[in-house]
Protein backbone atom coordinates (compact mmCIF):
# COMPACT_ATOMS: atom_id res chain seq x y z
CA UNK A 1 66.41 -150.56 -50.90
CA UNK A 2 66.09 -146.97 -51.44
CA UNK A 3 63.78 -144.30 -52.61
CA UNK A 4 63.90 -142.34 -55.65
CA UNK A 5 65.94 -138.94 -55.31
CA UNK A 6 63.03 -136.95 -56.49
CA UNK A 7 60.67 -137.78 -53.45
CA UNK A 8 63.15 -137.27 -51.13
CA UNK A 9 64.87 -134.23 -51.97
CA UNK A 10 61.50 -132.00 -52.53
CA UNK A 11 62.27 -129.77 -49.84
CA UNK A 12 65.69 -130.88 -49.74
CA UNK A 13 65.84 -131.82 -46.49
CA UNK A 14 64.88 -128.44 -45.05
CA UNK A 15 61.91 -127.60 -43.51
CA UNK A 16 58.92 -127.46 -45.43
CA UNK A 17 57.11 -124.08 -43.89
CA UNK A 18 54.22 -125.21 -41.96
CA UNK A 19 56.59 -126.24 -38.57
CA UNK A 20 54.15 -123.50 -36.38
CA UNK A 21 51.07 -124.92 -37.90
CA UNK A 22 51.99 -128.32 -36.87
CA UNK A 23 52.90 -127.45 -33.55
CA UNK A 24 49.59 -125.23 -32.57
CA UNK A 25 47.86 -128.25 -33.62
CA UNK A 26 49.29 -130.30 -31.68
CA UNK A 27 48.91 -127.82 -28.80
CA UNK A 28 45.05 -127.85 -29.46
CA UNK A 29 45.29 -131.45 -29.83
CA UNK A 30 46.47 -131.36 -25.98
CA UNK A 31 43.39 -129.14 -25.24
CA UNK A 32 44.82 -125.91 -25.49
CA UNK A 33 43.25 -122.52 -26.69
CA UNK A 34 45.26 -120.96 -29.86
CA UNK A 35 43.81 -118.69 -32.05
CA UNK A 36 45.00 -119.71 -35.65
CA UNK A 37 46.17 -117.71 -37.72
CA UNK A 38 48.15 -119.98 -39.97
CA UNK A 39 46.28 -121.36 -42.46
CA UNK A 40 43.96 -119.86 -45.73
CA UNK A 41 40.70 -121.83 -44.63
CA UNK A 42 37.55 -119.90 -44.36
CA UNK A 43 35.62 -120.16 -40.76
CA UNK A 44 31.88 -119.74 -42.61
CA UNK A 45 33.01 -123.01 -44.28
CA UNK A 46 31.40 -124.69 -47.52
CA UNK A 47 27.32 -122.70 -47.89
CA UNK A 48 24.63 -125.21 -47.22
CA UNK A 49 23.10 -124.54 -50.71
CA UNK A 50 26.51 -125.95 -52.26
CA UNK A 51 26.57 -129.00 -49.75
CA UNK A 52 23.15 -129.58 -50.85
CA UNK A 53 23.50 -129.10 -54.31
CA UNK A 54 26.49 -131.74 -53.88
CA UNK A 55 24.03 -134.29 -52.10
CA UNK A 56 21.48 -134.03 -54.89
CA UNK A 57 24.05 -134.77 -57.32
CA UNK A 58 25.48 -138.05 -55.50
CA UNK A 59 22.35 -138.99 -54.63
CA UNK A 60 21.01 -138.98 -58.68
CA UNK A 61 24.03 -141.07 -59.29
CA UNK A 62 26.70 -139.11 -60.00
CA UNK A 63 29.49 -141.02 -57.85
CA UNK A 64 31.13 -143.37 -60.68
CA UNK A 65 33.94 -142.45 -62.87
CA UNK A 66 33.78 -138.94 -63.89
CA UNK A 67 35.54 -138.07 -67.34
CA UNK A 68 38.57 -137.61 -66.96
CA UNK A 69 39.00 -133.39 -68.33
CA UNK A 70 36.03 -132.66 -66.28
CA UNK A 71 32.11 -132.67 -67.35
CA UNK A 72 31.56 -130.69 -70.06
CA UNK A 73 28.60 -128.53 -67.89
CA UNK A 74 31.68 -127.52 -65.27
CA UNK A 75 34.29 -126.73 -68.07
CA UNK A 76 31.62 -124.84 -70.18
CA UNK A 77 31.09 -122.69 -66.95
CA UNK A 78 34.65 -122.01 -66.27
CA UNK A 79 35.40 -120.96 -70.02
CA UNK A 80 32.22 -118.69 -69.97
CA UNK A 81 33.49 -117.82 -66.32
CA UNK A 82 36.86 -116.75 -68.00
CA UNK A 83 35.47 -114.60 -71.18
CA UNK A 84 33.35 -112.58 -69.18
CA UNK A 85 36.28 -111.56 -66.93
CA UNK A 86 39.20 -111.55 -69.25
CA UNK A 87 37.41 -110.99 -72.85
CA UNK A 88 39.88 -113.99 -73.77
CA UNK A 89 37.94 -116.51 -76.14
CA UNK A 90 37.99 -119.52 -74.49
CA UNK A 91 36.08 -123.13 -74.68
CA UNK A 92 35.94 -126.10 -72.89
CA UNK A 93 39.06 -127.08 -75.08
CA UNK A 94 41.19 -124.79 -73.01
CA UNK A 95 39.85 -126.11 -69.93
CA UNK A 96 41.35 -129.54 -67.70
CA UNK A 97 39.96 -129.71 -64.13
CA UNK A 98 41.71 -131.18 -61.59
CA UNK A 99 41.51 -132.18 -57.47
CA UNK A 100 42.47 -127.98 -56.51
CA UNK A 101 44.83 -125.77 -57.43
CA UNK A 102 47.70 -127.82 -56.34
CA UNK A 103 47.36 -130.35 -58.43
CA UNK A 104 46.84 -128.08 -61.20
CA UNK A 105 50.32 -126.43 -60.47
CA UNK A 106 52.08 -129.65 -60.71
CA UNK A 107 50.28 -130.47 -64.22
CA UNK A 108 51.10 -127.54 -65.44
CA UNK A 109 54.50 -127.76 -64.27
CA UNK A 110 55.23 -131.17 -65.97
CA UNK A 111 53.39 -129.57 -69.11
CA UNK A 112 56.07 -127.31 -69.82
CA UNK A 113 58.96 -128.48 -67.71
CA UNK A 114 61.57 -131.53 -68.72
CA UNK A 115 63.40 -133.00 -65.93
CA UNK A 116 67.03 -130.52 -64.85
CA UNK A 117 64.82 -127.90 -66.51
CA UNK A 118 64.79 -124.18 -64.54
CA UNK A 119 61.60 -123.31 -63.42
CA UNK A 120 61.85 -119.67 -61.92
CA UNK A 121 59.10 -118.58 -58.86
CA UNK A 122 58.62 -115.04 -57.23
CA UNK A 123 59.88 -114.73 -53.64
CA UNK A 124 57.52 -114.54 -51.04
CA UNK A 125 55.77 -117.82 -52.61
CA UNK A 126 53.10 -120.16 -51.17
CA UNK A 127 55.21 -122.86 -49.21
CA UNK A 128 54.46 -125.60 -52.13
CA UNK A 129 55.92 -123.64 -54.56
CA UNK A 130 59.36 -124.92 -54.86
CA UNK A 131 58.71 -128.73 -54.10
CA UNK A 132 56.03 -128.75 -56.46
CA UNK A 133 59.05 -127.81 -59.31
CA UNK A 134 61.20 -130.06 -57.69
CA UNK A 135 58.53 -133.15 -57.74
CA UNK A 136 58.25 -132.84 -61.86
CA UNK A 137 61.82 -133.11 -61.84
CA UNK A 138 62.81 -129.07 -62.68
CA UNK A 139 64.98 -127.25 -60.89
CA UNK A 140 63.49 -123.95 -58.61
CA UNK A 141 65.12 -120.55 -58.89
CA UNK A 142 63.59 -117.90 -56.91
CA UNK A 143 63.27 -114.02 -57.73
CA UNK A 144 63.29 -112.44 -54.73
CA UNK A 145 61.12 -109.11 -54.77
CA UNK A 146 61.44 -106.33 -51.66
CA UNK A 147 59.35 -105.22 -48.84
CA UNK A 148 60.08 -101.87 -49.53
CA UNK A 149 58.39 -102.20 -52.98
CA UNK A 150 55.21 -104.04 -51.56
CA UNK A 151 56.89 -107.03 -53.55
CA UNK A 152 55.56 -106.12 -56.61
CA UNK A 153 57.96 -107.85 -59.21
CA UNK A 154 60.67 -106.27 -60.95
CA UNK A 155 61.18 -106.40 -64.65
CA UNK A 156 65.00 -106.18 -64.85
CA UNK A 157 65.25 -108.89 -61.93
CA UNK A 158 63.12 -111.25 -63.80
CA UNK A 159 65.02 -110.50 -66.90
CA UNK A 160 68.46 -111.34 -65.18
CA UNK A 161 67.21 -114.60 -63.66
CA UNK A 162 65.67 -115.80 -66.96
CA UNK A 163 68.41 -117.16 -68.88
CA UNK A 164 67.64 -120.86 -69.69
CA UNK A 165 64.43 -120.46 -67.64
CA UNK A 166 61.65 -122.80 -69.28
CA UNK A 167 58.67 -121.55 -67.50
CA UNK A 168 57.83 -118.36 -64.42
CA UNK A 169 55.44 -119.01 -61.89
CA UNK A 170 53.48 -115.92 -60.39
CA UNK A 171 50.94 -115.32 -58.02
CA UNK A 172 48.33 -112.41 -57.60
CA UNK A 173 46.32 -111.52 -55.77
CA UNK A 174 49.18 -113.03 -53.63
CA UNK A 175 50.12 -115.50 -51.09
CA UNK A 176 51.13 -114.52 -48.61
CA UNK A 177 52.22 -110.85 -49.14
CA UNK A 178 48.09 -109.99 -50.00
CA UNK A 179 50.09 -107.86 -52.81
CA UNK A 180 47.87 -107.47 -56.15
CA UNK A 181 50.00 -106.84 -59.44
CA UNK A 182 49.78 -103.81 -60.90
CA UNK A 183 48.88 -103.85 -65.25
CA UNK A 184 52.49 -102.25 -65.26
CA UNK A 185 54.17 -105.40 -63.26
CA UNK A 186 52.18 -107.94 -65.14
CA UNK A 187 53.49 -105.95 -68.33
CA UNK A 188 56.52 -106.59 -67.22
CA UNK A 189 56.40 -110.50 -66.57
CA UNK A 190 55.07 -110.29 -70.40
CA UNK A 191 57.74 -108.91 -71.72
CA UNK A 192 60.04 -111.43 -70.11
CA UNK A 193 58.34 -114.00 -71.04
CA UNK A 194 57.93 -113.12 -74.99
CA UNK A 195 62.08 -112.23 -75.13
CA UNK A 196 63.44 -115.30 -73.18
CA UNK A 197 60.50 -117.38 -74.80
CA UNK A 198 59.55 -119.11 -71.13
CA UNK A 199 56.20 -120.47 -70.23
CA UNK A 200 53.83 -118.44 -67.76
CA UNK A 201 52.14 -119.86 -65.27
CA UNK A 202 49.42 -117.72 -63.40
CA UNK A 203 48.67 -118.64 -59.90
CA UNK A 204 44.74 -117.37 -59.56
CA UNK A 205 42.91 -118.71 -56.92
CA UNK A 206 42.67 -115.85 -55.11
CA UNK A 207 41.10 -113.62 -57.95
CA UNK A 208 37.77 -112.92 -56.12
CA UNK A 209 39.54 -111.60 -53.52
CA UNK A 210 40.50 -107.97 -54.30
CA UNK A 211 40.44 -104.56 -51.78
CA UNK A 212 42.21 -102.66 -53.38
CA UNK A 213 43.17 -102.34 -57.50
CA UNK A 214 42.11 -104.82 -60.03
CA UNK A 215 42.94 -107.99 -60.28
CA UNK A 216 43.99 -108.91 -64.82
CA UNK A 217 44.96 -111.80 -65.66
CA UNK A 218 48.46 -111.87 -67.74
CA UNK A 219 46.35 -114.35 -70.22
CA UNK A 220 44.67 -111.28 -71.62
CA UNK A 221 47.84 -108.79 -72.52
CA UNK A 222 48.95 -109.17 -76.40
CA UNK A 223 50.35 -111.86 -77.36
CA UNK A 224 50.29 -113.79 -74.10
CA UNK A 225 47.16 -116.36 -74.43
CA UNK A 226 49.55 -119.06 -76.04
CA UNK A 227 52.35 -119.11 -73.74
CA UNK A 228 50.27 -119.08 -70.22
CA UNK A 229 49.20 -121.64 -68.16
CA UNK A 230 46.34 -120.00 -65.23
CA UNK A 231 45.55 -122.17 -62.64
CA UNK A 232 42.20 -121.53 -60.57
CA UNK A 233 40.26 -123.15 -58.32
CA UNK A 234 36.82 -123.18 -56.03
CA UNK A 235 38.53 -123.37 -52.83
CA UNK A 236 38.83 -119.33 -51.99
CA UNK A 237 36.36 -117.79 -54.01
CA UNK A 238 33.43 -120.46 -53.08
CA UNK A 239 34.98 -121.29 -49.59
CA UNK A 240 35.25 -125.28 -51.19
CA UNK A 241 38.86 -125.88 -49.69
CA UNK A 242 37.73 -129.33 -49.14
CA UNK A 243 36.18 -130.17 -52.43
CA UNK A 244 39.33 -129.94 -54.40
CA UNK A 245 38.00 -128.95 -57.63
CA UNK A 246 40.47 -126.71 -59.13
CA UNK A 247 41.38 -126.26 -63.10
CA UNK A 248 44.06 -125.15 -65.51
CA UNK A 249 42.99 -123.12 -68.50
CA UNK A 250 45.56 -122.46 -71.35
CA UNK A 251 46.34 -123.17 -75.17
CA UNK A 252 44.41 -126.40 -76.76
CA UNK A 253 47.04 -128.50 -77.60
CA UNK A 254 48.80 -128.08 -74.19
CA UNK A 255 45.02 -128.70 -72.32
CA UNK A 256 45.04 -132.14 -74.89
CA UNK A 257 48.00 -133.39 -73.18
CA UNK A 258 47.42 -131.93 -70.13
CA UNK A 259 44.47 -134.76 -70.13
CA UNK A 260 46.82 -137.40 -71.11
CA UNK A 261 48.62 -136.84 -68.12
CA UNK A 262 45.34 -136.50 -65.74
CA UNK A 263 44.19 -140.36 -67.31
CA UNK A 264 47.80 -141.45 -65.70
CA UNK A 265 47.84 -139.69 -62.52
CA UNK A 266 44.53 -138.76 -60.79
CA UNK A 267 42.18 -139.75 -63.04
CA UNK A 268 39.48 -137.43 -62.53
CA UNK A 269 37.64 -135.57 -60.02
CA UNK A 270 34.39 -136.71 -58.32
CA UNK A 271 30.78 -135.90 -60.40
CA UNK A 272 29.05 -134.75 -57.52
CA UNK A 273 31.80 -132.22 -56.64
CA UNK A 274 31.68 -130.77 -60.22
CA UNK A 275 27.88 -130.67 -60.28
CA UNK A 276 28.54 -128.38 -56.75
CA UNK A 277 30.73 -126.37 -58.36
CA UNK A 278 28.71 -125.66 -61.84
CA UNK A 279 25.94 -124.98 -59.29
CA UNK A 280 28.29 -122.71 -56.84
CA UNK A 281 29.97 -120.94 -60.23
CA UNK A 282 26.40 -120.39 -61.34
CA UNK A 283 25.75 -118.18 -57.99
CA UNK A 284 27.26 -115.23 -59.71
CA UNK A 285 29.96 -112.43 -58.78
CA UNK A 286 27.24 -111.61 -55.64
CA UNK A 287 27.81 -114.90 -54.12
CA UNK A 288 31.68 -114.80 -54.54
CA UNK A 289 31.82 -111.21 -52.84
CA UNK A 290 29.76 -112.63 -49.99
CA UNK A 291 32.19 -115.65 -49.33
CA UNK A 292 35.22 -112.86 -49.37
CA UNK A 293 33.80 -109.98 -47.36
CA UNK A 294 34.65 -111.56 -43.94
CA UNK A 295 38.45 -111.20 -45.02
CA UNK A 296 37.51 -107.47 -46.66
CA UNK A 297 36.09 -106.36 -43.17
CA UNK A 298 38.76 -107.48 -41.35
CA UNK A 299 41.57 -106.43 -43.47
CA UNK A 300 39.55 -102.64 -42.31
CA UNK A 301 40.15 -103.46 -38.78
CA UNK A 302 43.68 -104.37 -39.06
CA UNK A 303 44.20 -101.25 -40.61
CA UNK A 304 42.83 -99.11 -38.16
CA UNK A 305 44.68 -101.18 -35.09
CA UNK A 306 48.05 -100.83 -36.79
CA UNK A 307 47.64 -97.28 -37.97
CA UNK A 308 50.68 -95.75 -35.94
CA UNK A 309 52.25 -98.79 -34.87
CA UNK A 310 56.25 -97.96 -34.39
CA UNK A 311 57.28 -101.94 -34.19
CA UNK A 312 55.16 -103.16 -37.13
CA UNK A 313 54.49 -102.46 -40.43
CA UNK A 314 51.95 -103.84 -42.73
CA UNK A 315 52.08 -104.27 -46.16
CA UNK A 316 49.99 -102.92 -48.19
CA UNK A 317 47.10 -105.54 -48.27
CA UNK A 318 45.47 -105.25 -52.07
CA UNK A 319 43.72 -109.09 -51.82
CA UNK A 320 43.56 -112.34 -50.54
CA UNK A 321 42.99 -113.25 -47.02
CA UNK A 322 46.31 -112.52 -45.36
CA UNK A 323 48.01 -109.78 -43.94
CA UNK A 324 52.05 -109.59 -44.39
CA UNK A 325 53.08 -107.87 -41.52
CA UNK A 326 57.10 -106.25 -41.35
CA UNK A 327 58.31 -107.06 -37.19
CA UNK A 328 61.63 -106.60 -38.09
CA UNK A 329 62.35 -103.65 -36.19
CA UNK A 330 61.46 -105.77 -33.11
CA UNK A 331 64.69 -107.40 -33.36
CA UNK A 332 63.45 -110.85 -33.91
CA UNK A 333 63.26 -112.69 -37.03
CA UNK A 334 59.93 -114.18 -38.20
CA UNK A 335 60.36 -117.57 -36.95
CA UNK A 336 61.46 -116.61 -33.54
CA UNK A 337 58.37 -114.04 -33.48
CA UNK A 338 56.32 -116.94 -34.46
CA UNK A 339 57.52 -119.25 -32.30
CA UNK A 340 57.54 -117.09 -28.99
CA UNK A 341 53.95 -115.35 -29.94
CA UNK A 342 52.71 -119.09 -30.05
CA UNK A 343 54.54 -119.93 -26.36
CA UNK A 344 53.27 -116.84 -24.75
CA UNK A 345 50.23 -115.59 -26.35
CA UNK A 346 48.69 -118.78 -27.94
CA UNK A 347 48.38 -116.94 -31.16
CA UNK A 348 49.65 -119.23 -33.94
CA UNK A 349 50.77 -117.18 -37.33
CA UNK A 350 53.13 -118.23 -40.45
CA UNK A 351 57.04 -116.88 -40.03
CA UNK A 352 57.84 -114.88 -43.12
CA UNK A 353 60.68 -117.69 -43.27
CA UNK A 354 58.21 -120.10 -44.63
CA UNK A 355 57.89 -118.34 -47.97
CA UNK A 356 61.54 -117.37 -48.84
CA UNK A 357 64.31 -115.05 -47.60
CA UNK A 358 62.56 -112.03 -49.39
CA UNK A 359 59.76 -112.25 -46.19
CA UNK A 360 62.28 -112.66 -43.62
CA UNK A 361 61.56 -110.63 -40.59
CA UNK A 362 57.92 -110.34 -41.27
CA UNK A 363 55.13 -113.00 -40.36
CA UNK A 364 51.94 -113.95 -42.07
CA UNK A 365 48.43 -113.54 -40.62
CA UNK A 366 45.62 -115.33 -41.85
CA UNK A 367 42.32 -113.38 -41.18
CA UNK A 368 40.25 -116.39 -40.73
CA UNK A 369 38.46 -116.06 -37.57
CA UNK A 370 35.71 -114.97 -36.45
CA UNK A 371 35.88 -110.48 -36.09
CA UNK A 372 35.93 -110.35 -32.13
CA UNK A 373 38.48 -112.97 -32.09
CA UNK A 374 40.88 -111.41 -34.87
CA UNK A 375 40.56 -108.28 -33.42
CA UNK A 376 41.78 -109.32 -29.87
CA UNK A 377 45.14 -111.35 -31.84
CA UNK A 378 45.57 -108.31 -33.68
CA UNK A 379 45.74 -106.09 -30.52
CA UNK A 380 47.79 -108.74 -28.95
CA UNK A 381 50.01 -108.86 -31.78
CA UNK A 382 50.62 -104.79 -31.53
CA UNK A 383 50.95 -105.14 -27.81
CA UNK A 384 53.32 -108.26 -28.08
CA UNK A 385 55.81 -106.50 -30.47
CA UNK A 386 55.95 -103.21 -28.29
CA UNK A 387 56.79 -105.26 -25.28
CA UNK A 388 59.29 -107.31 -26.81
CA UNK A 389 61.69 -104.74 -28.74
């Protein structure tokens, strides 16, 4: 008996980009001391007050099936948050709760792409993007951005790749680069979507982590709300990665069909997690800033340490919990540099090649360890880049 082509070709037989992360975890399991700067996991963990809220909800009995679209309270809270931050009319009918942002990405592509449709995405990209697109039967088509342009997408490049495309997936603030798309960049993207009649899927899970510039949701641009699906999550904004609570925001018709899709796939998110998410959202912007503060602080540490380095060029890190470092002057690929760094210095970073050809010769550093350890790691990486040149 054979498995489906779809399930066997999610990565087209190539690496899924997580090789270094998996190897580092095996080394840790074997008792080796590794500084992990790979995965976007908060070192502070979920706040006790959120866990207490989750516990109290579970004790009160909210452990059975929750409503598949999400609880009214959570959908209302997300709609209210969206209106406050974008000014675009949004109600619970525009919101579907999903088991995390990844589930929302899959659902959004399932909503707008038929098997065989072309789905665009930008490089560098979060490692799951092409596999997610293949998972719904669509054909991924990458559009490269340039390191020298701080990985800001170019309208002409997107337009040139858009013939026959059904959707375009973007991510700002961006993982892995830390780039925050400017208003002019987003307007260019909107122009292409309108000109070529393309759905825009906007992954905004890092919307609370902006250190330089401003987060702009393309849904608030003229005539874009009707063709945009926004992906959100509690994972990054509230350090609730393991709780798996995300959402899709979009036109009411799309959400109504996505509710049917959810009924036939994941059947909703546990009620006690949704209650805790409402509690977390009610803590407001000040709490979100508190969650993001370590990354803002470590970004400043890195800026000081990397200033003037001849062998490492820091791509302007405007948001999210990552730094993208250009190490091409060392003569190493990102893969070789990352593997050598792990073997010799016991520091694990993600090679740029994990995020597409546009990031070749780069490494991504997650700012997810305490300040002292992070400082030590950046100093070691700088020294390592100099001695390997």
